[in-house]
mmCIF file of all heavy atoms, coordinates in Angstrom:
data_MODEL
# 
_entry.id   MODEL 
# 
loop_
_atom_site.group_PDB 
_atom_site.id 
_atom_site.type_symbol 
_atom_site.label_atom_id 
_atom_site.label_alt_id 
_atom_site.label_comp_id 
_atom_site.label_asym_id 
_atom_site.label_entity_id 
_atom_site.label_seq_id 
_atom_site.pdbx_PDB_ins_code 
_atom_site.Cartn_x 
_atom_site.Cartn_y 
_atom_site.Cartn_z 
_atom_site.occupancy 
_atom_site.B_iso_or_equiv 
_atom_site.pdbx_formal_charge 
_atom_site.auth_seq_id 
_atom_site.auth_comp_id 
_atom_site.auth_asym_id 
_atom_site.auth_atom_id 
_atom_site.pdbx_PDB_model_num 
ATOM 1   N N   . PRO A 1 1  ? 10.093  9.627  2.284   1.00 0.00 ? 1  PRO A N   1 
ATOM 2   C CA  . PRO A 1 1  ? 10.275  8.612  3.331   1.00 0.00 ? 1  PRO A CA  1 
ATOM 3   C C   . PRO A 1 1  ? 10.700  7.272  2.753   1.00 0.00 ? 1  PRO A C   1 
ATOM 4   O O   . PRO A 1 1  ? 10.321  6.920  1.634   1.00 0.00 ? 1  PRO A O   1 
ATOM 5   C CB  . PRO A 1 1  ? 8.885   8.520  3.967   1.00 0.00 ? 1  PRO A CB  1 
ATOM 6   C CG  . PRO A 1 1  ? 7.942   8.900  2.869   1.00 0.00 ? 1  PRO A CG  1 
ATOM 7   C CD  . PRO A 1 1  ? 8.666   9.918  2.032   1.00 0.00 ? 1  PRO A CD  1 
ATOM 8   N N   . SER A 1 2  ? 11.493  6.535  3.523   1.00 0.00 ? 2  SER A N   1 
ATOM 9   C CA  . SER A 1 2  ? 11.878  5.187  3.103   1.00 0.00 ? 2  SER A CA  1 
ATOM 10  C C   . SER A 1 2  ? 10.695  4.244  3.208   1.00 0.00 ? 2  SER A C   1 
ATOM 11  O O   . SER A 1 2  ? 10.609  3.233  2.506   1.00 0.00 ? 2  SER A O   1 
ATOM 12  C CB  . SER A 1 2  ? 13.022  4.671  3.986   1.00 0.00 ? 2  SER A CB  1 
ATOM 13  O OG  . SER A 1 2  ? 12.620  4.644  5.353   1.00 0.00 ? 2  SER A OG  1 
ATOM 14  N N   . CYS A 1 3  ? 9.762   4.565  4.102   1.00 0.00 ? 3  CYS A N   1 
ATOM 15  C CA  . CYS A 1 3  ? 8.560   3.758  4.299   1.00 0.00 ? 3  CYS A CA  1 
ATOM 16  C C   . CYS A 1 3  ? 7.443   4.703  4.763   1.00 0.00 ? 3  CYS A C   1 
ATOM 17  O O   . CYS A 1 3  ? 7.631   5.462  5.703   1.00 0.00 ? 3  CYS A O   1 
ATOM 18  C CB  . CYS A 1 3  ? 8.826   2.671  5.344   1.00 0.00 ? 3  CYS A CB  1 
ATOM 19  S SG  . CYS A 1 3  ? 7.391   1.669  5.758   1.00 0.00 ? 3  CYS A SG  1 
ATOM 20  N N   . PHE A 1 4  ? 6.307   4.655  4.097   1.00 0.00 ? 4  PHE A N   1 
ATOM 21  C CA  . PHE A 1 4  ? 5.207   5.572  4.394   1.00 0.00 ? 4  PHE A CA  1 
ATOM 22  C C   . PHE A 1 4  ? 4.024   4.760  4.927   1.00 0.00 ? 4  PHE A C   1 
ATOM 23  O O   . PHE A 1 4  ? 3.245   4.212  4.151   1.00 0.00 ? 4  PHE A O   1 
ATOM 24  C CB  . PHE A 1 4  ? 4.826   6.317  3.106   1.00 0.00 ? 4  PHE A CB  1 
ATOM 25  C CG  . PHE A 1 4  ? 4.013   7.565  3.337   1.00 0.00 ? 4  PHE A CG  1 
ATOM 26  C CD1 . PHE A 1 4  ? 3.672   8.382  2.268   1.00 0.00 ? 4  PHE A CD1 1 
ATOM 27  C CD2 . PHE A 1 4  ? 3.593   7.937  4.602   1.00 0.00 ? 4  PHE A CD2 1 
ATOM 28  C CE1 . PHE A 1 4  ? 2.922   9.541  2.458   1.00 0.00 ? 4  PHE A CE1 1 
ATOM 29  C CE2 . PHE A 1 4  ? 2.849   9.085  4.810   1.00 0.00 ? 4  PHE A CE2 1 
ATOM 30  C CZ  . PHE A 1 4  ? 2.512   9.892  3.739   1.00 0.00 ? 4  PHE A CZ  1 
ATOM 31  N N   . ILE A 1 5  ? 3.915   4.664  6.255   1.00 0.00 ? 5  ILE A N   1 
ATOM 32  C CA  . ILE A 1 5  ? 2.835   3.917  6.889   1.00 0.00 ? 5  ILE A CA  1 
ATOM 33  C C   . ILE A 1 5  ? 1.669   4.872  7.142   1.00 0.00 ? 5  ILE A C   1 
ATOM 34  O O   . ILE A 1 5  ? 1.828   5.876  7.834   1.00 0.00 ? 5  ILE A O   1 
ATOM 35  C CB  . ILE A 1 5  ? 3.298   3.289  8.209   1.00 0.00 ? 5  ILE A CB  1 
ATOM 36  C CG1 . ILE A 1 5  ? 4.487   2.351  7.950   1.00 0.00 ? 5  ILE A CG1 1 
ATOM 37  C CG2 . ILE A 1 5  ? 2.162   2.523  8.873   1.00 0.00 ? 5  ILE A CG2 1 
ATOM 38  C CD1 . ILE A 1 5  ? 5.117   1.813  9.221   1.00 0.00 ? 5  ILE A CD1 1 
ATOM 39  N N   . ILE A 1 6  ? 0.503   4.543  6.582   1.00 0.00 ? 6  ILE A N   1 
ATOM 40  C CA  . ILE A 1 6  ? -0.647  5.433  6.651   1.00 0.00 ? 6  ILE A CA  1 
ATOM 41  C C   . ILE A 1 6  ? -1.808  4.724  7.334   1.00 0.00 ? 6  ILE A C   1 
ATOM 42  O O   . ILE A 1 6  ? -2.178  3.615  6.948   1.00 0.00 ? 6  ILE A O   1 
ATOM 43  C CB  . ILE A 1 6  ? -1.085  5.873  5.240   1.00 0.00 ? 6  ILE A CB  1 
ATOM 44  C CG1 . ILE A 1 6  ? 0.094   6.480  4.478   1.00 0.00 ? 6  ILE A CG1 1 
ATOM 45  C CG2 . ILE A 1 6  ? -2.241  6.860  5.315   1.00 0.00 ? 6  ILE A CG2 1 
ATOM 46  C CD1 . ILE A 1 6  ? -0.160  6.627  2.993   1.00 0.00 ? 6  ILE A CD1 1 
ATOM 47  N N   . GLN A 1 7  ? -2.377  5.374  8.346   1.00 0.00 ? 7  GLN A N   1 
ATOM 48  C CA  . GLN A 1 7  ? -3.566  4.844  9.002   1.00 0.00 ? 7  GLN A CA  1 
ATOM 49  C C   . GLN A 1 7  ? -4.801  5.495  8.396   1.00 0.00 ? 7  GLN A C   1 
ATOM 50  O O   . GLN A 1 7  ? -4.906  6.717  8.327   1.00 0.00 ? 7  GLN A O   1 
ATOM 51  C CB  . GLN A 1 7  ? -3.527  5.142  10.498  1.00 0.00 ? 7  GLN A CB  1 
ATOM 52  C CG  . GLN A 1 7  ? -2.379  4.465  11.234  1.00 0.00 ? 7  GLN A CG  1 
ATOM 53  C CD  . GLN A 1 7  ? -2.434  4.779  12.711  1.00 0.00 ? 7  GLN A CD  1 
ATOM 54  O OE1 . GLN A 1 7  ? -3.413  4.489  13.384  1.00 0.00 ? 7  GLN A OE1 1 
ATOM 55  N NE2 . GLN A 1 7  ? -1.382  5.401  13.231  1.00 0.00 ? 7  GLN A NE2 1 
ATOM 56  N N   . MET A 1 8  ? -5.741  4.653  7.961   1.00 0.00 ? 8  MET A N   1 
ATOM 57  C CA  . MET A 1 8  ? -6.970  5.154  7.365   1.00 0.00 ? 8  MET A CA  1 
ATOM 58  C C   . MET A 1 8  ? -7.858  5.827  8.426   1.00 0.00 ? 8  MET A C   1 
ATOM 59  O O   . MET A 1 8  ? -7.735  5.538  9.611   1.00 0.00 ? 8  MET A O   1 
ATOM 60  C CB  . MET A 1 8  ? -7.742  4.014  6.710   1.00 0.00 ? 8  MET A CB  1 
ATOM 61  C CG  . MET A 1 8  ? -7.000  3.320  5.571   1.00 0.00 ? 8  MET A CG  1 
ATOM 62  S SD  . MET A 1 8  ? -6.594  4.419  4.205   1.00 0.00 ? 8  MET A SD  1 
ATOM 63  C CE  . MET A 1 8  ? -4.846  4.685  4.480   1.00 0.00 ? 8  MET A CE  1 
ATOM 64  N N   . PRO A 1 9  ? -8.748  6.722  8.005   1.00 0.00 ? 9  PRO A N   1 
ATOM 65  C CA  . PRO A 1 9  ? -9.641  7.373  8.976   1.00 0.00 ? 9  PRO A CA  1 
ATOM 66  C C   . PRO A 1 9  ? -10.582 6.348  9.595   1.00 0.00 ? 9  PRO A C   1 
ATOM 67  O O   . PRO A 1 9  ? -11.113 5.482  8.903   1.00 0.00 ? 9  PRO A O   1 
ATOM 68  C CB  . PRO A 1 9  ? -10.416 8.391  8.124   1.00 0.00 ? 9  PRO A CB  1 
ATOM 69  C CG  . PRO A 1 9  ? -10.312 7.884  6.731   1.00 0.00 ? 9  PRO A CG  1 
ATOM 70  C CD  . PRO A 1 9  ? -8.987  7.196  6.635   1.00 0.00 ? 9  PRO A CD  1 
ATOM 71  N N   . ARG A 1 10 ? -10.770 6.416  10.906  1.00 0.00 ? 10 ARG A N   1 
ATOM 72  C CA  . ARG A 1 10 ? -11.644 5.456  11.593  1.00 0.00 ? 10 ARG A CA  1 
ATOM 73  C C   . ARG A 1 10 ? -12.254 6.141  12.803  1.00 0.00 ? 10 ARG A C   1 
ATOM 74  O O   . ARG A 1 10 ? -11.657 7.008  13.412  1.00 0.00 ? 10 ARG A O   1 
ATOM 75  C CB  . ARG A 1 10 ? -10.843 4.226  12.031  1.00 0.00 ? 10 ARG A CB  1 
ATOM 76  C CG  . ARG A 1 10 ? -9.631  4.589  12.843  1.00 0.00 ? 10 ARG A CG  1 
ATOM 77  C CD  . ARG A 1 10 ? -8.657  3.440  13.006  1.00 0.00 ? 10 ARG A CD  1 
ATOM 78  N NE  . ARG A 1 10 ? -7.424  3.923  13.563  1.00 0.00 ? 10 ARG A NE  1 
ATOM 79  C CZ  . ARG A 1 10 ? -7.248  4.266  14.843  1.00 0.00 ? 10 ARG A CZ  1 
ATOM 80  N NH1 . ARG A 1 10 ? -8.241  4.129  15.688  1.00 0.00 ? 10 ARG A NH1 1 
ATOM 81  N NH2 . ARG A 1 10 ? -6.110  4.727  15.286  1.00 0.00 ? 10 ARG A NH2 1 
ATOM 82  N N   . PHE A 1 11 ? -13.462 5.719  13.149  1.00 0.00 ? 11 PHE A N   1 
ATOM 83  C CA  . PHE A 1 11 ? -14.175 6.369  14.233  1.00 0.00 ? 11 PHE A CA  1 
ATOM 84  C C   . PHE A 1 11 ? -14.863 5.335  15.117  1.00 0.00 ? 11 PHE A C   1 
ATOM 85  O O   . PHE A 1 11 ? -16.019 5.485  15.488  1.00 0.00 ? 11 PHE A O   1 
ATOM 86  C CB  . PHE A 1 11 ? -15.195 7.377  13.677  1.00 0.00 ? 11 PHE A CB  1 
ATOM 87  C CG  . PHE A 1 11 ? -14.541 8.560  13.044  1.00 0.00 ? 11 PHE A CG  1 
ATOM 88  C CD1 . PHE A 1 11 ? -14.226 8.542  11.696  1.00 0.00 ? 11 PHE A CD1 1 
ATOM 89  C CD2 . PHE A 1 11 ? -14.211 9.666  13.794  1.00 0.00 ? 11 PHE A CD2 1 
ATOM 90  C CE1 . PHE A 1 11 ? -13.615 9.639  11.107  1.00 0.00 ? 11 PHE A CE1 1 
ATOM 91  C CE2 . PHE A 1 11 ? -13.606 10.765 13.208  1.00 0.00 ? 11 PHE A CE2 1 
ATOM 92  C CZ  . PHE A 1 11 ? -13.295 10.748 11.865  1.00 0.00 ? 11 PHE A CZ  1 
ATOM 93  N N   . GLY A 1 12 ? -14.170 4.243  15.446  1.00 0.00 ? 12 GLY A N   1 
ATOM 94  C CA  . GLY A 1 12 ? -14.712 3.245  16.353  1.00 0.00 ? 12 GLY A CA  1 
ATOM 95  C C   . GLY A 1 12 ? -15.787 2.391  15.717  1.00 0.00 ? 12 GLY A C   1 
ATOM 96  O O   . GLY A 1 12 ? -15.950 2.343  14.498  1.00 0.00 ? 12 GLY A O   1 
ATOM 97  N N   . LYS A 1 13 ? -16.550 1.719  16.555  1.00 0.00 ? 13 LYS A N   1 
ATOM 98  C CA  . LYS A 1 13 ? -17.537 0.749  16.074  1.00 0.00 ? 13 LYS A CA  1 
ATOM 99  C C   . LYS A 1 13 ? -18.817 1.399  15.576  1.00 0.00 ? 13 LYS A C   1 
ATOM 100 O O   . LYS A 1 13 ? -19.528 0.841  14.749  1.00 0.00 ? 13 LYS A O   1 
ATOM 101 C CB  . LYS A 1 13 ? -17.874 -0.231 17.204  1.00 0.00 ? 13 LYS A CB  1 
ATOM 102 C CG  . LYS A 1 13 ? -16.677 -1.050 17.679  1.00 0.00 ? 13 LYS A CG  1 
ATOM 103 C CD  . LYS A 1 13 ? -17.070 -1.950 18.845  1.00 0.00 ? 13 LYS A CD  1 
ATOM 104 C CE  . LYS A 1 13 ? -15.862 -2.746 19.341  1.00 0.00 ? 13 LYS A CE  1 
ATOM 105 N NZ  . LYS A 1 13 ? -16.208 -3.600 20.500  1.00 0.00 ? 13 LYS A NZ  1 
ATOM 106 N N   . GLU A 1 14 ? -19.136 2.584  16.084  1.00 0.00 ? 14 GLU A N   1 
ATOM 107 C CA  . GLU A 1 14 ? -20.438 3.168  15.805  1.00 0.00 ? 14 GLU A CA  1 
ATOM 108 C C   . GLU A 1 14 ? -20.511 3.906  14.468  1.00 0.00 ? 14 GLU A C   1 
ATOM 109 O O   . GLU A 1 14 ? -21.541 3.905  13.807  1.00 0.00 ? 14 GLU A O   1 
ATOM 110 C CB  . GLU A 1 14 ? -20.819 4.137  16.938  1.00 0.00 ? 14 GLU A CB  1 
ATOM 111 C CG  . GLU A 1 14 ? -20.890 3.487  18.309  1.00 0.00 ? 14 GLU A CG  1 
ATOM 112 C CD  . GLU A 1 14 ? -21.888 2.350  18.353  1.00 0.00 ? 14 GLU A CD  1 
ATOM 113 O OE1 . GLU A 1 14 ? -22.965 2.490  17.740  1.00 0.00 ? 14 GLU A OE1 1 
ATOM 114 O OE2 . GLU A 1 14 ? -21.586 1.320  18.990  1.00 0.00 ? 14 GLU A OE2 1 
ATOM 115 N N   . TYR A 1 15 ? -19.420 4.537  14.056  1.00 0.00 ? 15 TYR A N   1 
ATOM 116 C CA  . TYR A 1 15 ? -19.476 5.384  12.867  1.00 0.00 ? 15 TYR A CA  1 
ATOM 117 C C   . TYR A 1 15 ? -18.234 5.201  12.016  1.00 0.00 ? 15 TYR A C   1 
ATOM 118 O O   . TYR A 1 15 ? -17.115 5.232  12.515  1.00 0.00 ? 15 TYR A O   1 
ATOM 119 C CB  . TYR A 1 15 ? -19.600 6.855  13.268  1.00 0.00 ? 15 TYR A CB  1 
ATOM 120 C CG  . TYR A 1 15 ? -19.489 7.806  12.093  1.00 0.00 ? 15 TYR A CG  1 
ATOM 121 C CD1 . TYR A 1 15 ? -20.509 7.901  11.156  1.00 0.00 ? 15 TYR A CD1 1 
ATOM 122 C CD2 . TYR A 1 15 ? -18.352 8.591  11.924  1.00 0.00 ? 15 TYR A CD2 1 
ATOM 123 C CE1 . TYR A 1 15 ? -20.403 8.768  10.076  1.00 0.00 ? 15 TYR A CE1 1 
ATOM 124 C CE2 . TYR A 1 15 ? -18.240 9.458  10.848  1.00 0.00 ? 15 TYR A CE2 1 
ATOM 125 C CZ  . TYR A 1 15 ? -19.267 9.548  9.928   1.00 0.00 ? 15 TYR A CZ  1 
ATOM 126 O OH  . TYR A 1 15 ? -19.148 10.392 8.861   1.00 0.00 ? 15 TYR A OH  1 
ATOM 127 N N   . LYS A 1 16 ? -18.446 4.954  10.739  1.00 0.00 ? 16 LYS A N   1 
ATOM 128 C CA  . LYS A 1 16 ? -17.343 4.864  9.791   1.00 0.00 ? 16 LYS A CA  1 
ATOM 129 C C   . LYS A 1 16 ? -17.512 5.980  8.771   1.00 0.00 ? 16 LYS A C   1 
ATOM 130 O O   . LYS A 1 16 ? -18.583 6.136  8.181   1.00 0.00 ? 16 LYS A O   1 
ATOM 131 C CB  . LYS A 1 16 ? -17.353 3.510  9.072   1.00 0.00 ? 16 LYS A CB  1 
ATOM 132 C CG  . LYS A 1 16 ? -17.139 2.306  9.993   1.00 0.00 ? 16 LYS A CG  1 
ATOM 133 C CD  . LYS A 1 16 ? -15.715 2.254  10.504  1.00 0.00 ? 16 LYS A CD  1 
ATOM 134 C CE  . LYS A 1 16 ? -15.430 0.965  11.259  1.00 0.00 ? 16 LYS A CE  1 
ATOM 135 N NZ  . LYS A 1 16 ? -16.196 0.830  12.506  1.00 0.00 ? 16 LYS A NZ  1 
ATOM 136 N N   . MET A 1 17 ? -16.462 6.766  8.556   1.00 0.00 ? 17 MET A N   1 
ATOM 137 C CA  . MET A 1 17 ? -16.544 7.868  7.597   1.00 0.00 ? 17 MET A CA  1 
ATOM 138 C C   . MET A 1 17 ? -16.764 7.334  6.190   1.00 0.00 ? 17 MET A C   1 
ATOM 139 O O   . MET A 1 17 ? -17.538 7.894  5.409   1.00 0.00 ? 17 MET A O   1 
ATOM 140 C CB  . MET A 1 17 ? -15.276 8.715  7.656   1.00 0.00 ? 17 MET A CB  1 
ATOM 141 C CG  . MET A 1 17 ? -15.290 9.868  6.674   1.00 0.00 ? 17 MET A CG  1 
ATOM 142 S SD  . MET A 1 17 ? -13.899 10.996 6.840   1.00 0.00 ? 17 MET A SD  1 
ATOM 143 C CE  . MET A 1 17 ? -14.351 11.929 8.286   1.00 0.00 ? 17 MET A CE  1 
ATOM 144 N N   . PHE A 1 18 ? -16.087 6.207  5.848   1.00 0.00 ? 18 PHE A N   1 
ATOM 145 C CA  . PHE A 1 18 ? -16.251 5.589  4.534   1.00 0.00 ? 18 PHE A CA  1 
ATOM 146 C C   . PHE A 1 18 ? -16.495 4.095  4.722   1.00 0.00 ? 18 PHE A C   1 
ATOM 147 O O   . PHE A 1 18 ? -15.807 3.444  5.499   1.00 0.00 ? 18 PHE A O   1 
ATOM 148 C CB  . PHE A 1 18 ? -14.995 5.797  3.679   1.00 0.00 ? 18 PHE A CB  1 
ATOM 149 C CG  . PHE A 1 18 ? -14.606 7.243  3.505   1.00 0.00 ? 18 PHE A CG  1 
ATOM 150 C CD1 . PHE A 1 18 ? -13.516 7.754  4.178   1.00 0.00 ? 18 PHE A CD1 1 
ATOM 151 C CD2 . PHE A 1 18 ? -15.338 8.080  2.680   1.00 0.00 ? 18 PHE A CD2 1 
ATOM 152 C CE1 . PHE A 1 18 ? -13.151 9.084  4.040   1.00 0.00 ? 18 PHE A CE1 1 
ATOM 153 C CE2 . PHE A 1 18 ? -14.983 9.409  2.535   1.00 0.00 ? 18 PHE A CE2 1 
ATOM 154 C CZ  . PHE A 1 18 ? -13.890 9.915  3.212   1.00 0.00 ? 18 PHE A CZ  1 
ATOM 155 N N   . SER A 1 19 ? -17.475 3.569  3.988   1.00 0.00 ? 19 SER A N   1 
ATOM 156 C CA  . SER A 1 19 ? -17.742 2.136  4.080   1.00 0.00 ? 19 SER A CA  1 
ATOM 157 C C   . SER A 1 19 ? -16.648 1.330  3.400   1.00 0.00 ? 19 SER A C   1 
ATOM 158 O O   . SER A 1 19 ? -16.369 0.197  3.774   1.00 0.00 ? 19 SER A O   1 
ATOM 159 C CB  . SER A 1 19 ? -19.104 1.808  3.454   1.00 0.00 ? 19 SER A CB  1 
ATOM 160 O OG  . SER A 1 19 ? -19.124 2.197  2.081   1.00 0.00 ? 19 SER A OG  1 
ATOM 161 N N   . LYS A 1 20 ? -16.024 1.935  2.394   1.00 0.00 ? 20 LYS A N   1 
ATOM 162 C CA  . LYS A 1 20 ? -14.935 1.265  1.671   1.00 0.00 ? 20 LYS A CA  1 
ATOM 163 C C   . LYS A 1 20 ? -13.889 2.299  1.283   1.00 0.00 ? 20 LYS A C   1 
ATOM 164 O O   . LYS A 1 20 ? -14.211 3.458  1.028   1.00 0.00 ? 20 LYS A O   1 
ATOM 165 C CB  . LYS A 1 20 ? -15.438 0.564  0.398   1.00 0.00 ? 20 LYS A CB  1 
ATOM 166 C CG  . LYS A 1 20 ? -16.460 -0.538 0.628   1.00 0.00 ? 20 LYS A CG  1 
ATOM 167 C CD  . LYS A 1 20 ? -16.900 -1.127 -0.699  1.00 0.00 ? 20 LYS A CD  1 
ATOM 168 C CE  . LYS A 1 20 ? -17.923 -2.237 -0.499  1.00 0.00 ? 20 LYS A CE  1 
ATOM 169 N NZ  . LYS A 1 20 ? -19.203 -1.726 0.023   1.00 0.00 ? 20 LYS A NZ  1 
ATOM 170 N N   . ILE A 1 21 ? -12.632 1.868  1.219   1.00 0.00 ? 21 ILE A N   1 
ATOM 171 C CA  . ILE A 1 21 ? -11.530 2.695  0.719   1.00 0.00 ? 21 ILE A CA  1 
ATOM 172 C C   . ILE A 1 21 ? -10.734 1.843  -0.272  1.00 0.00 ? 21 ILE A C   1 
ATOM 173 O O   . ILE A 1 21 ? -10.338 0.722  0.044   1.00 0.00 ? 21 ILE A O   1 
ATOM 174 C CB  . ILE A 1 21 ? -10.612 3.168  1.860   1.00 0.00 ? 21 ILE A CB  1 
ATOM 175 C CG1 . ILE A 1 21 ? -11.381 4.077  2.821   1.00 0.00 ? 21 ILE A CG1 1 
ATOM 176 C CG2 . ILE A 1 21 ? -9.394  3.911  1.301   1.00 0.00 ? 21 ILE A CG2 1 
ATOM 177 C CD1 . ILE A 1 21 ? -10.602 4.462  4.065   1.00 0.00 ? 21 ILE A CD1 1 
ATOM 178 N N   . ILE A 1 22 ? -10.526 2.378  -1.474  1.00 0.00 ? 22 ILE A N   1 
ATOM 179 C CA  . ILE A 1 22 ? -9.799  1.631  -2.500  1.00 0.00 ? 22 ILE A CA  1 
ATOM 180 C C   . ILE A 1 22 ? -8.294  1.806  -2.289  1.00 0.00 ? 22 ILE A C   1 
ATOM 181 O O   . ILE A 1 22 ? -7.807  2.940  -2.241  1.00 0.00 ? 22 ILE A O   1 
ATOM 182 C CB  . ILE A 1 22 ? -10.183 2.119  -3.913  1.00 0.00 ? 22 ILE A CB  1 
ATOM 183 C CG1 . ILE A 1 22 ? -11.695 1.940  -4.143  1.00 0.00 ? 22 ILE A CG1 1 
ATOM 184 C CG2 . ILE A 1 22 ? -9.386  1.374  -4.979  1.00 0.00 ? 22 ILE A CG2 1 
ATOM 185 C CD1 . ILE A 1 22 ? -12.188 2.575  -5.423  1.00 0.00 ? 22 ILE A CD1 1 
ATOM 186 N N   . PRO A 1 23 ? -7.530  0.725  -2.139  1.00 0.00 ? 23 PRO A N   1 
ATOM 187 C CA  . PRO A 1 23 ? -6.078  0.864  -1.986  1.00 0.00 ? 23 PRO A CA  1 
ATOM 188 C C   . PRO A 1 23 ? -5.444  1.424  -3.259  1.00 0.00 ? 23 PRO A C   1 
ATOM 189 O O   . PRO A 1 23 ? -5.756  0.976  -4.364  1.00 0.00 ? 23 PRO A O   1 
ATOM 190 C CB  . PRO A 1 23 ? -5.602  -0.585 -1.749  1.00 0.00 ? 23 PRO A CB  1 
ATOM 191 C CG  . PRO A 1 23 ? -6.825  -1.347 -1.374  1.00 0.00 ? 23 PRO A CG  1 
ATOM 192 C CD  . PRO A 1 23 ? -7.960  -0.690 -2.077  1.00 0.00 ? 23 PRO A CD  1 
ATOM 193 N N   . SER A 1 24 ? -4.588  2.414  -3.105  1.00 0.00 ? 24 SER A N   1 
ATOM 194 C CA  . SER A 1 24 ? -3.803  2.919  -4.238  1.00 0.00 ? 24 SER A CA  1 
ATOM 195 C C   . SER A 1 24 ? -2.511  2.107  -4.301  1.00 0.00 ? 24 SER A C   1 
ATOM 196 O O   . SER A 1 24 ? -1.716  2.142  -3.364  1.00 0.00 ? 24 SER A O   1 
ATOM 197 C CB  . SER A 1 24 ? -3.488  4.402  -4.054  1.00 0.00 ? 24 SER A CB  1 
ATOM 198 O OG  . SER A 1 24 ? -4.669  5.173  -4.029  1.00 0.00 ? 24 SER A OG  1 
ATOM 199 N N   . LEU A 1 25 ? -2.319  1.378  -5.380  1.00 0.00 ? 25 LEU A N   1 
ATOM 200 C CA  . LEU A 1 25 ? -1.146  0.508  -5.483  1.00 0.00 ? 25 LEU A CA  1 
ATOM 201 C C   . LEU A 1 25 ? 0.137   1.313  -5.606  1.00 0.00 ? 25 LEU A C   1 
ATOM 202 O O   . LEU A 1 25 ? 1.217   0.820  -5.300  1.00 0.00 ? 25 LEU A O   1 
ATOM 203 C CB  . LEU A 1 25 ? -1.305  -0.449 -6.658  1.00 0.00 ? 25 LEU A CB  1 
ATOM 204 C CG  . LEU A 1 25 ? -2.530  -1.378 -6.584  1.00 0.00 ? 25 LEU A CG  1 
ATOM 205 C CD1 . LEU A 1 25 ? -2.526  -2.357 -7.747  1.00 0.00 ? 25 LEU A CD1 1 
ATOM 206 C CD2 . LEU A 1 25 ? -2.571  -2.126 -5.258  1.00 0.00 ? 25 LEU A CD2 1 
ATOM 207 N N   . GLU A 1 26 ? 0.030   2.535  -6.078  1.00 0.00 ? 26 GLU A N   1 
ATOM 208 C CA  . GLU A 1 26 ? 1.161   3.460  -6.094  1.00 0.00 ? 26 GLU A CA  1 
ATOM 209 C C   . GLU A 1 26 ? 0.690   4.783  -5.512  1.00 0.00 ? 26 GLU A C   1 
ATOM 210 O O   . GLU A 1 26 ? -0.475  5.161  -5.666  1.00 0.00 ? 26 GLU A O   1 
ATOM 211 C CB  . GLU A 1 26 ? 1.689   3.680  -7.517  1.00 0.00 ? 26 GLU A CB  1 
ATOM 212 C CG  . GLU A 1 26 ? 2.346   2.440  -8.108  1.00 0.00 ? 26 GLU A CG  1 
ATOM 213 C CD  . GLU A 1 26 ? 2.954   2.730  -9.488  1.00 0.00 ? 26 GLU A CD  1 
ATOM 214 O OE1 . GLU A 1 26 ? 2.669   3.824  -10.044 1.00 0.00 ? 26 GLU A OE1 1 
ATOM 215 O OE2 . GLU A 1 26 ? 3.683   1.887  -9.998  1.00 0.00 ? 26 GLU A OE2 1 
ATOM 216 N N   . LEU A 1 27 ? 1.597   5.479  -4.839  1.00 0.00 ? 27 LEU A N   1 
ATOM 217 C CA  . LEU A 1 27 ? 1.243   6.743  -4.197  1.00 0.00 ? 27 LEU A CA  1 
ATOM 218 C C   . LEU A 1 27 ? 2.157   7.842  -4.743  1.00 0.00 ? 27 LEU A C   1 
ATOM 219 O O   . LEU A 1 27 ? 3.374   7.761  -4.611  1.00 0.00 ? 27 LEU A O   1 
ATOM 220 C CB  . LEU A 1 27 ? 1.405   6.617  -2.677  1.00 0.00 ? 27 LEU A CB  1 
ATOM 221 C CG  . LEU A 1 27 ? 0.694   7.651  -1.812  1.00 0.00 ? 27 LEU A CG  1 
ATOM 222 C CD1 . LEU A 1 27 ? -0.817  7.544  -1.985  1.00 0.00 ? 27 LEU A CD1 1 
ATOM 223 C CD2 . LEU A 1 27 ? 1.056   7.453  -0.351  1.00 0.00 ? 27 LEU A CD2 1 
# 
């Protein structure tokens, strides 16, 4: 892809699958 837009996993206000996600500077 010319641009890879990725949405992190999220589950609203009540539950978060991960408290933190480390950004990968390269994919």
